[in-house]
Amino acid sequence: MNNLFIAENLKVITKVLPILKIQIHQREISLIVRRNHLIPVLTFLKNHIKYQFKILTCISGVDYPSNKYRFKVVYELLSVRYNIRLRVKVLTTELLPIESCGTIYPAASWYESETWDMYGIFFTNHANLTRLLTDYGFEGYPLRKDFPLSGFIEVSYDYTRKRVINERVELSQEYRAFKFTSPWETLKLN
């Protein structure tokens, strides 16, 4: 089974599933669905005999601040039986949560926590939505395009105090000239 076979079955899929849009780019197929239809679509794609997308390889997010639906959450699915990959995309805003698919794909809970930590996209019915990549006291979401590049607080480990300390970032500094000796200048050629 290849992508051509799935493309032929897309007409059948659109009659069965509530799909908003189908995108085919360089022989890769993406389905865009409404966020409230995500769980039935993923369940169908996992359990249907013609598709069998049993593995969720990744969940990632994309931020489009100027769009009505600011965030796009992308689910990457793999069918080992037919050696095919498929993307399922869901559009959402800052305030609209997405239903967790952790009951369908157990690996999803890690990816959803990571997406929440980086983008602030909330997943309902999630078993344990915690920060994974940032500190527990961290404020904001680093992969949003409106997040400041330098941040406001610098976190470092102080070896004398033997703990993590938070310091305010100070970016203003005078011009400094660094004078390093070159290793080539120390060599004496005869």
Protein backbone atom coordinates (compact mmCIF):
# COMPACT_ATOMS: atom_id res chain seq x y z
CA MET A 1 0.00 0.00 0.00
CA ASN A 2 1.39 3.42 -0.86
CA ASN A 3 0.35 7.04 -0.75
CA LEU A 4 -1.34 6.65 -4.13
CA PHE A 5 -3.70 4.08 -2.66
CA ILE A 6 -4.55 6.40 0.23
CA ALA A 7 -5.11 9.26 -2.22
CA GLU A 8 -7.63 7.05 -4.05
CA ASN A 9 -9.34 6.27 -0.74
CA LEU A 10 -9.52 9.92 0.30
CA LYS A 11 -12.87 10.24 -1.44
CA VAL A 12 -14.19 7.44 0.74
CA ILE A 13 -12.57 8.93 3.86
CA THR A 14 -14.20 12.33 3.29
CA LYS A 15 -17.62 10.66 3.19
CA VAL A 16 -17.00 8.83 6.46
CA LEU A 17 -14.91 11.33 8.45
CA PRO A 18 -15.57 15.01 9.20
CA ILE A 19 -12.50 16.40 7.42
CA LEU A 20 -12.22 20.11 6.66
CA LYS A 21 -9.40 19.95 4.13
CA ILE A 22 -6.98 17.49 2.55
CA GLN A 23 -3.48 18.65 1.67
CA ILE A 24 -1.04 16.72 -0.50
CA HIS A 25 2.45 18.15 -0.63
CA GLN A 26 5.31 16.17 -2.20
CA ARG A 27 3.34 12.93 -1.90
CA GLU A 28 2.72 13.52 1.83
CA ILE A 29 -0.89 13.62 2.91
CA SER A 30 -2.32 15.85 5.64
CA LEU A 31 -5.87 15.94 6.94
CA ILE A 32 -7.18 19.07 8.64
CA VAL A 33 -9.98 18.35 11.11
CA ARG A 34 -11.96 20.34 13.67
CA ARG A 35 -10.68 20.03 17.20
CA ASN A 36 -13.93 18.48 18.46
CA HIS A 37 -13.68 15.74 15.78
CA LEU A 38 -10.06 14.83 16.50
CA ILE A 39 -10.68 11.80 18.73
CA PRO A 40 -13.15 10.05 16.36
CA VAL A 41 -10.82 10.65 13.39
CA LEU A 42 -7.77 9.28 15.23
CA THR A 43 -9.76 6.28 16.45
CA PHE A 44 -10.95 5.53 12.91
CA LEU A 45 -7.46 5.85 11.42
CA LYS A 46 -5.97 3.60 14.09
CA ASN A 47 -8.57 0.83 14.01
CA HIS A 48 -9.74 0.69 10.38
CA ILE A 49 -8.47 -2.38 8.53
CA LYS A 50 -7.37 -0.40 5.44
CA TYR A 51 -5.23 2.12 7.32
CA GLN A 52 -4.04 0.79 10.71
CA PHE A 53 -2.13 3.88 11.86
CA LYS A 54 -1.18 2.19 15.13
CA ILE A 55 1.79 4.43 16.01
CA LEU A 56 1.79 8.10 16.92
CA THR A 57 5.33 9.26 16.15
CA CYS A 58 5.05 12.92 17.13
CA ILE A 59 2.79 15.77 18.18
CA SER A 60 4.08 19.23 17.41
CA GLY A 61 2.78 22.77 17.37
CA VAL A 62 3.06 25.76 15.08
CA ASP A 63 2.30 29.37 16.04
CA TYR A 64 0.70 31.79 13.58
CA PRO A 65 -0.01 34.93 15.68
CA SER A 66 -1.84 36.80 12.90
CA ASN A 67 -4.30 33.99 12.10
CA LYS A 68 -7.78 33.63 13.59
CA TYR A 69 -6.82 30.20 14.89
CA ARG A 70 -3.37 30.97 16.17
CA PHE A 71 -2.07 27.45 16.77
CA LYS A 72 -1.86 24.40 14.57
CA VAL A 73 -1.28 21.08 16.34
CA VAL A 74 0.11 18.38 14.07
CA TYR A 75 -0.25 14.66 14.80
CA GLU A 76 2.17 12.42 12.86
CA LEU A 77 0.83 8.89 12.39
CA LEU A 78 2.57 5.77 11.10
CA SER A 79 1.09 2.57 9.68
CA VAL A 80 3.74 -0.13 10.01
CA ARG A 81 1.59 -2.66 8.20
CA TYR A 82 1.32 -0.51 5.07
CA ASN A 83 4.48 1.58 5.54
CA ILE A 84 2.67 4.92 5.28
CA ARG A 85 2.81 8.18 7.21
CA LEU A 86 -0.08 10.60 7.63
CA ARG A 87 -0.47 13.99 9.30
CA VAL A 88 -3.61 15.08 11.08
CA LYS A 89 -3.77 18.83 11.78
CA VAL A 90 -6.01 20.65 14.24
CA LEU A 91 -6.46 24.43 14.49
CA THR A 92 -7.07 26.12 17.83
CA THR A 93 -6.69 29.39 19.73
CA GLU A 94 -5.13 30.29 23.07
CA LEU A 95 -8.41 29.72 24.90
CA LEU A 96 -9.83 26.64 23.15
CA PRO A 97 -8.46 23.36 24.55
CA ILE A 98 -7.93 20.18 22.54
CA GLU A 99 -9.07 16.77 23.75
CA SER A 100 -6.18 14.55 24.81
CA CYS A 101 -5.64 11.43 22.71
CA GLY A 102 -3.68 9.66 25.46
CA THR A 103 -6.30 6.90 25.67
CA ILE A 104 -5.88 6.11 21.96
CA TYR A 105 -2.10 6.53 21.75
CA PRO A 106 -0.29 6.13 25.11
CA ALA A 107 2.77 8.01 23.78
CA ALA A 108 0.63 11.12 23.30
CA SER A 109 0.74 12.20 26.94
CA TRP A 110 4.45 13.08 26.75
CA TYR A 111 4.05 15.00 23.48
CA GLU A 112 0.99 16.85 24.76
CA SER A 113 2.83 17.92 27.92
CA GLU A 114 5.70 19.13 25.77
CA THR A 115 3.35 21.08 23.48
CA TRP A 116 1.61 22.64 26.47
CA ASP A 117 4.97 23.58 28.01
CA MET A 118 6.30 25.24 24.85
CA TYR A 119 3.13 26.79 23.35
CA GLY A 120 0.54 26.93 26.12
CA ILE A 121 -1.97 24.79 24.20
CA PHE A 122 -4.14 23.11 26.82
CA PHE A 123 -5.25 19.47 26.49
CA THR A 124 -8.42 18.39 28.33
CA ASN A 125 -8.68 14.98 30.02
CA HIS A 126 -4.89 14.72 30.16
CA ALA A 127 -3.58 12.44 32.91
CA ASN A 128 -0.66 14.64 34.05
CA LEU A 129 -0.11 17.93 32.22
CA THR A 130 3.20 19.18 33.65
CA ARG A 131 6.16 21.19 32.46
CA LEU A 132 8.86 19.01 30.93
CA LEU A 133 11.38 21.32 29.28
CA THR A 134 11.15 24.47 31.37
CA ASP A 135 11.45 25.05 35.10
CA TYR A 136 8.39 24.71 37.32
CA GLY A 137 8.35 28.43 38.14
CA PHE A 138 8.80 29.47 34.50
CA GLU A 139 6.33 32.06 33.24
CA GLY A 140 5.30 32.13 29.60
CA TYR A 141 5.68 29.79 26.67
CA PRO A 142 9.05 29.96 24.84
CA LEU A 143 7.98 28.84 21.34
CA ARG A 144 5.25 31.44 20.96
CA LYS A 145 6.33 34.04 18.46
CA ASP A 146 5.47 36.88 20.85
CA PHE A 147 7.81 35.57 23.57
CA PRO A 148 10.84 37.89 24.05
CA LEU A 149 14.06 36.45 22.64
CA SER A 150 16.18 37.30 25.65
CA GLY A 151 13.56 36.68 28.31
CA PHE A 152 13.47 38.59 31.57
CA ILE A 153 15.16 36.20 33.97
CA GLU A 154 18.39 34.28 33.62
CA VAL A 155 18.57 30.95 35.39
CA SER A 156 21.94 29.53 36.40
CA TYR A 157 23.42 27.15 38.91
CA ASP A 158 25.45 28.69 41.74
CA TYR A 159 28.11 26.25 42.89
CA THR A 160 28.79 28.13 46.14
CA ARG A 161 25.13 28.05 47.20
CA LYS A 162 24.59 24.63 45.57
CA ARG A 163 21.25 25.61 44.05
CA VAL A 164 19.62 27.19 41.02
CA ILE A 165 19.34 30.99 41.17
CA ASN A 166 17.25 33.43 39.16
CA GLU A 167 18.74 36.78 38.15
CA ARG A 168 17.33 39.63 36.11
CA VAL A 169 18.81 39.93 32.65
CA GLU A 170 20.88 43.04 32.04
CA LEU A 171 21.62 43.54 28.38
CA SER A 172 23.16 47.02 28.40
CA GLN A 173 26.93 46.95 28.44
CA GLU A 174 29.77 49.02 27.15
CA TYR A 175 31.87 47.97 24.23
CA ARG A 176 34.67 45.67 25.32
CA ALA A 177 37.77 44.82 23.36
CA PHE A 178 38.93 41.29 23.95
CA LYS A 179 42.67 40.77 23.52
CA PHE A 180 43.42 37.13 23.13
CA THR A 181 46.83 35.93 22.14
CA SER A 182 46.79 33.83 19.06
CA PRO A 183 48.46 30.42 19.32
CA TRP A 184 50.15 31.16 16.00
CA GLU A 185 51.91 34.18 17.41
CA THR A 186 53.60 32.14 20.12
CA LEU A 187 55.23 29.81 17.59
CA LYS A 188 58.72 30.78 16.57
CA LEU A 189 59.74 29.69 13.16
CA ASN A 190 63.44 29.36 12.42
